[in-house]
Amino acid sequence: MLSREELLKMREMTFEDIDPKEIQDLEKLKIDVKKSKPEKVREILESGKNPYFLKYKGITIKIGFASTNRTIEEAMQSLVQMKW
């Protein structure tokens, strides 16, 4: 699983910093719908890929969050809920 430090570094990356081959394609992302939400989030984080960047229909998206106390895990849970 990605460490907090790794996640912080990934959050600061720009479109120029990231290798396009390393971005997860949301349409190809396989998540076991039988797992709990925390397990789904853990699975995404365990992929080792930057969770702040996704591809959808060929478009690269950088996910950002408002300055709140919300964690990346909570944000990923929301994403998982929307998709699965």
N, C-alpha and C. Protein backbone atom coordinates (compact mmCIF):
# COMPACT_ATOMS: atom_id res chain seq x y z
N MET A 1 0.85 -1.18 0.00
CA MET A 1 0.00 0.00 0.00
C MET A 1 0.90 1.24 0.00
N LEU A 2 0.41 2.27 -0.63
CA LEU A 2 1.15 3.53 -0.69
C LEU A 2 1.23 4.16 0.69
N SER A 3 2.39 4.71 1.00
CA SER A 3 2.55 5.39 2.28
C SER A 3 1.95 6.79 2.19
N ARG A 4 1.78 7.42 3.32
CA ARG A 4 1.27 8.79 3.37
C ARG A 4 2.20 9.73 2.60
N GLU A 5 3.50 9.53 2.78
CA GLU A 5 4.48 10.38 2.08
C GLU A 5 4.37 10.23 0.57
N GLU A 6 4.20 8.98 0.12
CA GLU A 6 4.05 8.74 -1.32
C GLU A 6 2.79 9.41 -1.86
N LEU A 7 1.70 9.29 -1.11
CA LEU A 7 0.45 9.92 -1.52
C LEU A 7 0.59 11.44 -1.59
N LEU A 8 1.29 12.02 -0.63
CA LEU A 8 1.50 13.47 -0.64
C LEU A 8 2.32 13.90 -1.86
N LYS A 9 3.34 13.14 -2.20
CA LYS A 9 4.14 13.44 -3.39
C LYS A 9 3.29 13.31 -4.66
N MET A 10 2.48 12.26 -4.72
CA MET A 10 1.63 12.03 -5.88
C MET A 10 0.60 13.15 -6.05
N ARG A 11 0.12 13.65 -4.93
CA ARG A 11 -0.87 14.73 -4.97
C ARG A 11 -0.29 15.99 -5.62
N GLU A 12 0.99 16.21 -5.42
CA GLU A 12 1.65 17.41 -5.94
C GLU A 12 2.06 17.29 -7.40
N MET A 13 1.96 16.10 -7.97
CA MET A 13 2.39 15.90 -9.36
C MET A 13 1.49 16.68 -10.31
N THR A 14 2.08 17.05 -11.45
CA THR A 14 1.33 17.73 -12.51
C THR A 14 1.17 16.78 -13.69
N PHE A 15 0.42 17.22 -14.69
CA PHE A 15 0.25 16.42 -15.90
C PHE A 15 1.60 16.16 -16.57
N GLU A 16 2.52 17.10 -16.45
CA GLU A 16 3.84 16.95 -17.07
C GLU A 16 4.71 15.94 -16.30
N ASP A 17 4.44 15.77 -15.01
CA ASP A 17 5.26 14.90 -14.17
C ASP A 17 4.92 13.42 -14.32
N ILE A 18 3.70 13.11 -14.68
CA ILE A 18 3.24 11.73 -14.64
C ILE A 18 3.38 11.06 -16.01
N ASP A 19 3.80 9.80 -16.00
CA ASP A 19 3.90 9.01 -17.22
C ASP A 19 2.49 8.56 -17.59
N PRO A 20 2.01 8.90 -18.78
CA PRO A 20 0.64 8.53 -19.17
C PRO A 20 0.37 7.02 -19.09
N LYS A 21 1.42 6.21 -19.25
CA LYS A 21 1.25 4.75 -19.17
C LYS A 21 0.96 4.29 -17.74
N GLU A 22 1.25 5.14 -16.78
CA GLU A 22 1.08 4.79 -15.37
C GLU A 22 -0.28 5.23 -14.81
N ILE A 23 -1.15 5.75 -15.65
CA ILE A 23 -2.44 6.25 -15.19
C ILE A 23 -3.49 5.16 -15.37
N GLN A 24 -4.26 4.92 -14.32
CA GLN A 24 -5.30 3.90 -14.37
C GLN A 24 -6.45 4.35 -15.27
N ASP A 25 -6.92 3.44 -16.10
CA ASP A 25 -8.09 3.69 -16.94
C ASP A 25 -9.31 3.27 -16.14
N LEU A 26 -10.17 4.21 -15.85
CA LEU A 26 -11.34 3.94 -15.02
C LEU A 26 -12.24 2.87 -15.63
N GLU A 27 -12.31 2.84 -16.95
CA GLU A 27 -13.16 1.84 -17.61
C GLU A 27 -12.58 0.43 -17.51
N LYS A 28 -11.27 0.32 -17.31
CA LYS A 28 -10.63 -1.00 -17.21
C LYS A 28 -10.37 -1.41 -15.77
N LEU A 29 -10.62 -0.52 -14.85
CA LEU A 29 -10.39 -0.80 -13.44
C LEU A 29 -11.38 -1.84 -12.96
N LYS A 30 -10.86 -2.94 -12.47
CA LYS A 30 -11.69 -4.05 -11.99
C LYS A 30 -11.74 -4.02 -10.47
N ILE A 31 -12.93 -3.82 -9.95
CA ILE A 31 -13.12 -3.80 -8.51
C ILE A 31 -14.16 -4.88 -8.17
N ASP A 32 -13.86 -5.70 -7.20
CA ASP A 32 -14.78 -6.75 -6.76
C ASP A 32 -15.92 -6.10 -5.97
N VAL A 33 -17.11 -6.09 -6.56
CA VAL A 33 -18.26 -5.41 -5.94
C VAL A 33 -18.73 -6.10 -4.67
N LYS A 34 -18.26 -7.31 -4.42
CA LYS A 34 -18.66 -8.03 -3.21
C LYS A 34 -17.85 -7.58 -1.99
N LYS A 35 -16.76 -6.87 -2.24
CA LYS A 35 -15.93 -6.41 -1.13
C LYS A 35 -16.55 -5.18 -0.47
N SER A 36 -16.14 -4.94 0.76
CA SER A 36 -16.60 -3.75 1.48
C SER A 36 -15.96 -2.51 0.86
N LYS A 37 -16.51 -1.35 1.15
CA LYS A 37 -15.95 -0.11 0.62
C LYS A 37 -14.49 0.08 1.04
N PRO A 38 -14.15 -0.11 2.33
CA PRO A 38 -12.73 0.03 2.70
C PRO A 38 -11.82 -0.93 1.94
N GLU A 39 -12.30 -2.16 1.69
CA GLU A 39 -11.49 -3.11 0.94
C GLU A 39 -11.31 -2.66 -0.51
N LYS A 40 -12.33 -2.07 -1.09
CA LYS A 40 -12.24 -1.56 -2.47
C LYS A 40 -11.22 -0.43 -2.54
N VAL A 41 -11.27 0.47 -1.58
CA VAL A 41 -10.32 1.58 -1.54
C VAL A 41 -8.90 1.04 -1.38
N ARG A 42 -8.74 0.10 -0.47
CA ARG A 42 -7.42 -0.51 -0.23
C ARG A 42 -6.88 -1.13 -1.52
N GLU A 43 -7.75 -1.79 -2.26
CA GLU A 43 -7.35 -2.42 -3.52
C GLU A 43 -6.81 -1.38 -4.51
N ILE A 44 -7.49 -0.25 -4.60
CA ILE A 44 -7.03 0.83 -5.48
C ILE A 44 -5.69 1.36 -5.02
N LEU A 45 -5.54 1.59 -3.73
CA LEU A 45 -4.29 2.12 -3.20
C LEU A 45 -3.15 1.11 -3.30
N GLU A 46 -3.47 -0.17 -3.22
CA GLU A 46 -2.45 -1.21 -3.32
C GLU A 46 -1.95 -1.40 -4.75
N SER A 47 -2.63 -0.82 -5.72
CA SER A 47 -2.18 -0.94 -7.10
C SER A 47 -0.84 -0.24 -7.30
N GLY A 48 -0.51 0.70 -6.39
CA GLY A 48 0.74 1.43 -6.49
C GLY A 48 0.69 2.58 -7.47
N LYS A 49 -0.42 2.73 -8.16
CA LYS A 49 -0.56 3.81 -9.13
C LYS A 49 -1.10 5.06 -8.43
N ASN A 50 -0.84 6.19 -9.06
CA ASN A 50 -1.25 7.47 -8.50
C ASN A 50 -2.78 7.58 -8.51
N PRO A 51 -3.41 7.61 -7.33
CA PRO A 51 -4.88 7.68 -7.27
C PRO A 51 -5.42 9.06 -7.62
N TYR A 52 -4.55 10.04 -7.79
CA TYR A 52 -4.98 11.39 -8.12
C TYR A 52 -5.17 11.58 -9.62
N PHE A 53 -4.70 10.63 -10.41
CA PHE A 53 -4.84 10.69 -11.86
C PHE A 53 -5.60 9.48 -12.36
N LEU A 54 -6.55 9.70 -13.24
CA LEU A 54 -7.33 8.64 -13.87
C LEU A 54 -7.51 8.98 -15.34
N LYS A 55 -7.77 7.95 -16.12
CA LYS A 55 -8.17 8.15 -17.52
C LYS A 55 -9.62 7.71 -17.64
N TYR A 56 -10.38 8.46 -18.41
CA TYR A 56 -11.76 8.07 -18.68
C TYR A 56 -12.07 8.45 -20.12
N LYS A 57 -12.36 7.44 -20.93
CA LYS A 57 -12.65 7.64 -22.36
C LYS A 57 -11.53 8.42 -23.04
N GLY A 58 -10.27 8.08 -22.68
CA GLY A 58 -9.10 8.69 -23.30
C GLY A 58 -8.71 10.05 -22.74
N ILE A 59 -9.44 10.53 -21.77
CA ILE A 59 -9.15 11.84 -21.18
C ILE A 59 -8.48 11.63 -19.83
N THR A 60 -7.35 12.32 -19.61
CA THR A 60 -6.65 12.24 -18.33
C THR A 60 -7.25 13.26 -17.38
N ILE A 61 -7.56 12.78 -16.19
CA ILE A 61 -8.21 13.61 -15.18
C ILE A 61 -7.34 13.62 -13.93
N LYS A 62 -7.14 14.81 -13.38
CA LYS A 62 -6.46 14.90 -12.08
C LYS A 62 -7.52 15.24 -11.05
N ILE A 63 -7.55 14.42 -10.01
CA ILE A 63 -8.53 14.61 -8.95
C ILE A 63 -7.92 15.50 -7.88
N GLY A 64 -8.65 16.50 -7.47
CA GLY A 64 -8.21 17.37 -6.40
C GLY A 64 -9.32 17.49 -5.37
N PHE A 65 -8.94 17.90 -4.19
CA PHE A 65 -9.90 17.99 -3.11
C PHE A 65 -9.77 19.33 -2.41
N ALA A 66 -10.87 19.82 -1.92
CA ALA A 66 -10.87 21.08 -1.18
C ALA A 66 -10.07 20.90 0.12
N SER A 67 -9.62 21.98 0.66
CA SER A 67 -8.87 21.94 1.92
C SER A 67 -9.83 21.66 3.07
N THR A 68 -10.04 20.37 3.30
CA THR A 68 -10.91 19.93 4.39
C THR A 68 -10.18 18.85 5.17
N ASN A 69 -10.84 18.29 6.12
CA ASN A 69 -10.26 17.19 6.89
C ASN A 69 -10.53 15.84 6.23
N ARG A 70 -11.13 15.84 5.06
CA ARG A 70 -11.46 14.62 4.35
C ARG A 70 -10.16 13.93 3.90
N THR A 71 -10.10 12.63 4.12
CA THR A 71 -8.90 11.87 3.75
C THR A 71 -9.04 11.35 2.33
N ILE A 72 -7.91 10.92 1.76
CA ILE A 72 -7.93 10.31 0.42
C ILE A 72 -8.78 9.04 0.46
N GLU A 73 -8.75 8.32 1.56
CA GLU A 73 -9.56 7.11 1.68
C GLU A 73 -11.04 7.45 1.57
N GLU A 74 -11.48 8.51 2.24
CA GLU A 74 -12.88 8.92 2.17
C GLU A 74 -13.25 9.36 0.76
N ALA A 75 -12.35 10.07 0.11
CA ALA A 75 -12.61 10.53 -1.26
C ALA A 75 -12.68 9.33 -2.20
N MET A 76 -11.78 8.36 -2.03
CA MET A 76 -11.80 7.17 -2.88
C MET A 76 -13.07 6.36 -2.65
N GLN A 77 -13.55 6.33 -1.40
CA GLN A 77 -14.81 5.63 -1.13
C GLN A 77 -15.95 6.27 -1.91
N SER A 78 -15.96 7.58 -1.98
CA SER A 78 -16.99 8.28 -2.75
C SER A 78 -16.89 7.91 -4.23
N LEU A 79 -15.67 7.85 -4.75
CA LEU A 79 -15.46 7.47 -6.15
C LEU A 79 -15.95 6.06 -6.40
N VAL A 80 -15.61 5.15 -5.50
CA VAL A 80 -16.02 3.75 -5.63
C VAL A 80 -17.54 3.65 -5.60
N GLN A 81 -18.19 4.42 -4.73
CA GLN A 81 -19.64 4.41 -4.64
C GLN A 81 -20.27 4.86 -5.96
N MET A 82 -19.69 5.87 -6.59
CA MET A 82 -20.23 6.40 -7.83
C MET A 82 -20.09 5.36 -8.96
N LYS A 83 -18.97 4.64 -9.01
CA LYS A 83 -18.70 3.70 -10.09
C LYS A 83 -19.33 2.34 -9.83
N TRP A 84 -19.26 1.85 -8.57
CA TRP A 84 -19.73 0.52 -8.28
C TRP A 84 -20.79 0.58 -7.24
